[in-house]
Protein backbone atom coordinates (compact mmCIF):
# COMPACT_ATOMS: atom_id res chain seq x y z
CA UNK A 1 15.71 3.77 2.43
CA UNK A 2 12.58 5.90 2.16
CA UNK A 3 9.54 5.22 4.33
CA UNK A 4 6.17 4.54 2.77
CA UNK A 5 3.79 7.29 4.00
CA UNK A 6 0.76 4.96 3.71
CA UNK A 7 2.28 2.42 6.10
CA UNK A 8 2.06 2.84 9.86
CA UNK A 9 4.79 1.79 12.28
CA UNK A 10 4.74 -1.93 12.99
CA UNK A 11 2.80 -2.84 9.83
CA UNK A 12 3.98 -5.28 7.16
CA UNK A 13 1.81 -5.75 4.08
CA UNK A 14 0.97 -9.34 3.13
CA UNK A 15 -1.37 -8.85 0.17
CA UNK A 16 -3.88 -6.42 -1.35
CA UNK A 17 -7.08 -7.04 -3.25
CA UNK A 18 -6.26 -5.22 -6.48
CA UNK A 19 -9.66 -5.88 -8.03
CA UNK A 20 -11.53 -4.27 -5.12
CA UNK A 21 -10.78 -0.63 -6.01
CA UNK A 22 -11.60 -1.28 -9.63
CA UNK A 23 -14.91 -2.99 -9.00
CA UNK A 24 -16.18 -1.20 -5.88
CA UNK A 25 -16.54 2.30 -4.52
CA UNK A 26 -15.53 2.23 -0.83
CA UNK A 27 -17.95 3.90 1.56
CA UNK A 28 -16.38 2.91 4.90
CA UNK A 29 -13.26 1.00 5.95
CA UNK A 30 -12.79 -1.20 9.03
CA UNK A 31 -9.92 -3.19 10.55
CA UNK A 32 -10.58 -6.74 11.76
CA UNK A 33 -8.55 -9.53 13.29
CA UNK A 34 -8.63 -13.09 11.94
CA UNK A 35 -8.89 -16.48 13.64
CA UNK A 36 -6.21 -18.60 11.94
CA UNK A 37 -4.53 -21.98 12.26
CA UNK A 38 -0.75 -22.19 12.65
CA UNK A 39 -0.15 -23.46 9.14
CA UNK A 40 -2.24 -20.58 7.73
CA UNK A 41 -0.11 -18.08 9.60
CA UNK A 42 3.11 -19.58 8.23
CA UNK A 43 1.65 -19.55 4.73
CA UNK A 44 0.70 -15.87 5.16
CA UNK A 45 4.27 -15.08 6.22
CA UNK A 46 5.30 -16.41 2.81
CA UNK A 47 2.64 -14.18 1.17
CA UNK A 48 0.69 -17.11 -0.29
CA UNK A 49 -2.82 -15.66 -0.30
CA UNK A 50 -5.32 -14.97 -3.08
CA UNK A 51 -8.42 -12.83 -2.56
CA UNK A 52 -10.21 -14.38 -5.58
CA UNK A 53 -13.93 -13.86 -4.90
CA UNK A 54 -13.56 -13.03 -1.22
CA UNK A 55 -16.34 -11.36 0.73
CA UNK A 56 -17.63 -11.12 4.30
CA UNK A 57 -20.83 -12.85 5.33
CA UNK A 58 -22.77 -12.58 8.58
CA UNK A 59 -24.39 -15.42 10.57
CA UNK A 60 -25.53 -15.50 14.20
CA UNK A 61 -24.07 -12.04 14.90
CA UNK A 62 -20.63 -13.16 13.71
CA UNK A 63 -18.63 -12.07 10.68
CA UNK A 64 -16.98 -14.70 8.47
CA UNK A 65 -14.42 -14.24 5.69
CA UNK A 66 -15.45 -16.39 2.73
CA UNK A 67 -13.75 -17.19 -0.57
CA UNK A 68 -10.19 -16.16 0.31
CA UNK A 69 -7.58 -18.78 -0.62
CA UNK A 70 -4.62 -19.23 1.74
CA UNK A 71 -2.31 -21.83 0.19
CA UNK A 72 -1.40 -24.87 2.29
CA UNK A 73 1.93 -24.62 4.08
CA UNK A 74 4.45 -27.08 2.63
CA UNK A 75 5.77 -28.27 6.00
CA UNK A 76 2.40 -28.48 7.76
CA UNK A 77 2.73 -32.21 8.47
CA UNK A 78 -0.14 -34.67 8.52
CA UNK A 79 -3.04 -32.25 8.97
CA UNK A 80 -2.79 -29.21 6.63
CA UNK A 81 -5.53 -26.58 6.65
CA UNK A 82 -8.33 -26.32 4.09
CA UNK A 83 -7.24 -23.50 1.70
CA UNK A 84 -10.67 -21.92 1.15
CA UNK A 85 -12.25 -22.52 4.56
CA UNK A 86 -14.30 -19.77 6.17
CA UNK A 87 -12.40 -17.76 8.76
CA UNK A 88 -13.97 -15.90 11.65
CA UNK A 89 -13.37 -12.15 11.79
CA UNK A 90 -12.72 -10.48 15.13
CA UNK A 91 -14.79 -7.29 15.32
CA UNK A 92 -16.62 -5.47 18.08
CA UNK A 93 -20.33 -6.28 18.36
CA UNK A 94 -21.39 -2.76 17.41
CA UNK A 95 -19.19 -2.92 14.29
CA UNK A 96 -20.74 -6.24 13.28
CA UNK A 97 -24.25 -4.85 13.83
CA UNK A 98 -23.48 -1.73 11.80
CA UNK A 99 -21.88 -3.66 8.92
CA UNK A 100 -24.67 -6.24 8.89
CA UNK A 101 -27.35 -3.53 8.72
CA UNK A 102 -25.56 -1.65 5.95
CA UNK A 103 -24.69 -4.79 3.95
CA UNK A 104 -28.33 -5.87 3.93
CA UNK A 105 -29.15 -2.81 1.80
CA UNK A 106 -29.40 -3.44 -1.91
CA UNK A 107 -26.15 -2.97 -3.81
CA UNK A 108 -23.82 -2.88 -0.77
CA UNK A 109 -21.35 -5.60 0.21
CA UNK A 110 -18.42 -6.04 2.57
CA UNK A 111 -15.19 -6.99 0.82
CA UNK A 112 -11.60 -7.67 1.97
CA UNK A 113 -9.19 -4.97 0.86
CA UNK A 114 -5.78 -5.83 2.30
CA UNK A 115 -4.12 -8.26 4.67
CA UNK A 116 -1.19 -7.20 6.83
CA UNK A 117 0.74 -7.83 10.04
CA UNK A 118 0.30 -5.18 12.71
CA UNK A 119 2.39 -5.51 15.85
CA UNK A 120 2.79 -9.25 15.23
CA UNK A 121 -0.90 -9.95 14.60
CA UNK A 122 -2.67 -10.55 11.30
CA UNK A 123 -5.18 -7.83 10.45
CA UNK A 124 -7.62 -7.61 7.58
CA UNK A 125 -8.85 -4.31 6.22
CA UNK A 126 -12.44 -4.67 5.06
CA UNK A 127 -14.56 -2.10 3.29
CA UNK A 128 -18.24 -1.51 2.81
CA UNK A 129 -18.45 -1.20 -0.95
CA UNK A 130 -20.96 -0.29 -3.60
CA UNK A 131 -20.43 -2.01 -6.93
CA UNK A 132 -19.32 0.21 -9.79
CA UNK A 133 -21.00 -0.15 -13.13
CA UNK A 134 -19.17 0.02 -16.46
CA UNK A 135 -19.68 3.78 -16.81
CA UNK A 136 -18.16 4.48 -13.39
CA UNK A 137 -15.07 2.46 -14.28
CA UNK A 138 -14.75 4.29 -17.61
CA UNK A 139 -15.04 7.62 -15.78
CA UNK A 140 -12.24 6.59 -13.40
CA UNK A 141 -9.99 5.63 -16.32
CA UNK A 142 -10.81 8.87 -18.12
CA UNK A 143 -10.04 10.99 -15.02
CA UNK A 144 -6.76 9.14 -14.43
CA UNK A 145 -5.70 9.63 -18.08
CA UNK A 146 -6.58 13.33 -17.96
CA UNK A 147 -4.56 13.82 -14.78
CA UNK A 148 -1.59 12.01 -16.33
CA UNK A 149 -1.79 14.13 -19.51
CA UNK A 150 -2.05 17.33 -17.48
CA UNK A 151 0.98 16.39 -15.38
CA UNK A 152 2.92 15.53 -18.55
CA UNK A 153 2.04 18.87 -20.18
CA UNK A 154 3.01 20.78 -17.02
CA UNK A 155 6.37 19.02 -16.86
CA UNK A 156 6.99 19.83 -20.55
CA UNK A 157 6.01 23.44 -19.95
CA UNK A 158 8.46 23.82 -17.06
CA UNK A 159 11.45 22.61 -19.13
């Protein structure tokens, strides 16, 4: 079995926000912990999460994950968790201050990128992102297509 070079030891990917790279240009990336209920953790182990319209919001010098749907756990019993409740992010105070200052600028937002287990704990990778406009997305597609065509022509040339 081959190892994934993008994965560090002790990490197990739960889910990625596939729309994030398409819609945003990442300026900075941070790792944060999450405050979860037991049924949420069991649901995450099953991979039942949807980033939908998730983003990070700041209140009272705290960071909160909003809009991420963690499906209710089937065997949660009488008191299952609310699927779209806000979840507190565990970040250092200086990181919260920095992100809050940068996110208050026009056009910048903090978005969840991927959710994973790291040494038995749930971690969330968040990114400070600037929204791409239609032309930026078209440029990305054009560059990707050109790279693919170039690679194809080089492989044909080597045969």
